[in-house]
Amino acid sequence: MKMTMHIDEDVLARVMSITGASTKTEAVEIALKEMARRHKMKELFTAGLGLTAEELRSAFDPALLDGGSQELQPAVAAESPASYGKTDPA
């Protein structure tokens, strides 16, 4: 849709720089989509995702995971490492 708008040139230049948009139109589209995305995220978080405040807090607070342990658990490999380039002895 084509329309005439009055947009602060400094703000538009900053949005173009931040987003890497190559045109003013692209910069405005990116900014509008980002605003809509943020609003949708706010709606989802306000809804609470079906969890209580305590459940949300414990889901995102590492201090509450594993009985208060703040240390990261080591990753465990599900499979043994691949032997690339080696022939199968079987």
Protein backbone atom coordinates (compact mmCIF):
# COMPACT_ATOMS: atom_id res chain seq x y z
CA MET A 1 0.00 0.00 0.00
CA LYS A 2 1.39 3.37 -0.92
CA MET A 3 0.95 6.29 1.52
CA THR A 4 2.52 9.54 2.59
CA MET A 5 3.93 9.64 6.12
CA HIS A 6 5.98 12.05 8.18
CA ILE A 7 8.73 10.05 9.90
CA ASP A 8 11.63 11.44 11.91
CA GLU A 9 14.65 11.01 9.62
CA ASP A 10 17.04 10.36 12.52
CA VAL A 11 14.85 7.59 13.90
CA LEU A 12 14.43 6.07 10.45
CA ALA A 13 18.20 6.20 9.84
CA ARG A 14 18.80 4.50 13.20
CA VAL A 15 16.27 1.75 12.42
CA MET A 16 17.93 1.21 9.04
CA SER A 17 21.33 0.96 10.73
CA ILE A 18 20.14 -1.41 13.47
CA THR A 19 18.21 -3.73 11.16
CA GLY A 20 20.43 -3.53 8.11
CA ALA A 21 17.42 -2.54 6.00
CA SER A 22 18.48 -1.31 2.59
CA THR A 23 15.40 0.86 1.98
CA LYS A 24 13.20 3.11 4.07
CA THR A 25 10.19 0.95 3.21
CA GLU A 26 11.97 -2.18 4.43
CA ALA A 27 12.96 -0.41 7.66
CA VAL A 28 9.37 0.66 8.34
CA GLU A 29 8.07 -2.86 7.61
CA ILE A 30 10.64 -4.40 9.96
CA ALA A 31 9.78 -1.91 12.71
CA LEU A 32 6.04 -2.55 12.35
CA LYS A 33 6.49 -6.33 12.40
CA GLU A 34 8.73 -6.08 15.47
CA MET A 35 6.14 -3.94 17.27
CA ALA A 36 3.41 -6.49 16.46
CA ARG A 37 5.70 -9.34 17.62
CA ARG A 38 6.44 -7.60 20.92
CA HIS A 39 2.75 -6.97 21.53
CA LYS A 40 1.97 -10.65 20.88
CA MET A 41 4.74 -11.71 23.29
CA LYS A 42 3.34 -9.34 25.94
CA GLU A 43 -0.12 -10.90 25.48
CA LEU A 44 1.32 -14.40 25.86
CA PHE A 45 3.30 -13.50 28.97
CA THR A 46 0.33 -11.69 30.48
CA ALA A 47 -1.74 -14.82 29.98
CA GLY A 48 0.90 -16.62 32.05
CA LEU A 49 1.17 -19.57 29.70
CA GLY A 50 -1.15 -21.46 32.04
CA LEU A 51 1.36 -21.45 34.91
CA THR A 52 1.28 -19.81 38.32
CA ALA A 53 3.74 -17.02 39.08
CA GLU A 54 5.82 -19.45 41.18
CA GLU A 55 5.88 -22.05 38.40
CA LEU A 56 7.03 -19.43 35.88
CA ARG A 57 9.69 -18.15 38.27
CA SER A 58 11.05 -21.63 38.97
CA ALA A 59 11.02 -22.49 35.26
CA PHE A 60 13.37 -19.58 34.47
CA ASP A 61 15.38 -19.15 37.69
CA PRO A 62 18.46 -21.41 37.68
CA ALA A 63 18.82 -20.98 41.46
CA LEU A 64 15.55 -22.87 41.93
CA LEU A 65 16.45 -25.77 39.63
CA ASP A 66 17.90 -29.03 40.97
CA GLY A 67 17.12 -28.20 44.59
CA GLY A 68 18.95 -24.89 44.60
CA SER A 69 22.11 -25.96 42.80
CA GLN A 70 23.31 -23.14 40.56
CA GLU A 71 25.97 -25.24 38.86
CA LEU A 72 25.37 -26.33 35.30
CA GLN A 73 25.08 -30.07 34.86
CA PRO A 74 27.56 -31.61 32.38
CA ALA A 75 26.14 -32.65 29.04
CA VAL A 76 25.80 -36.39 28.50
CA ALA A 77 26.25 -37.78 25.01
CA ALA A 78 23.40 -40.01 23.89
CA GLU A 79 25.61 -41.86 21.42
CA SER A 80 29.26 -42.76 21.20
CA PRO A 81 31.33 -40.53 18.89
CA ALA A 82 31.25 -41.44 15.20
CA SER A 83 34.39 -42.99 13.73
CA TYR A 84 34.56 -41.05 10.51
CA GLY A 85 36.97 -42.39 7.92
CA LYS A 86 37.47 -45.68 9.73
CA THR A 87 36.27 -48.94 8.27
CA ASP A 88 33.81 -51.11 10.16
CA PRO A 89 35.65 -54.23 11.43
CA ALA A 90 32.46 -56.32 11.24
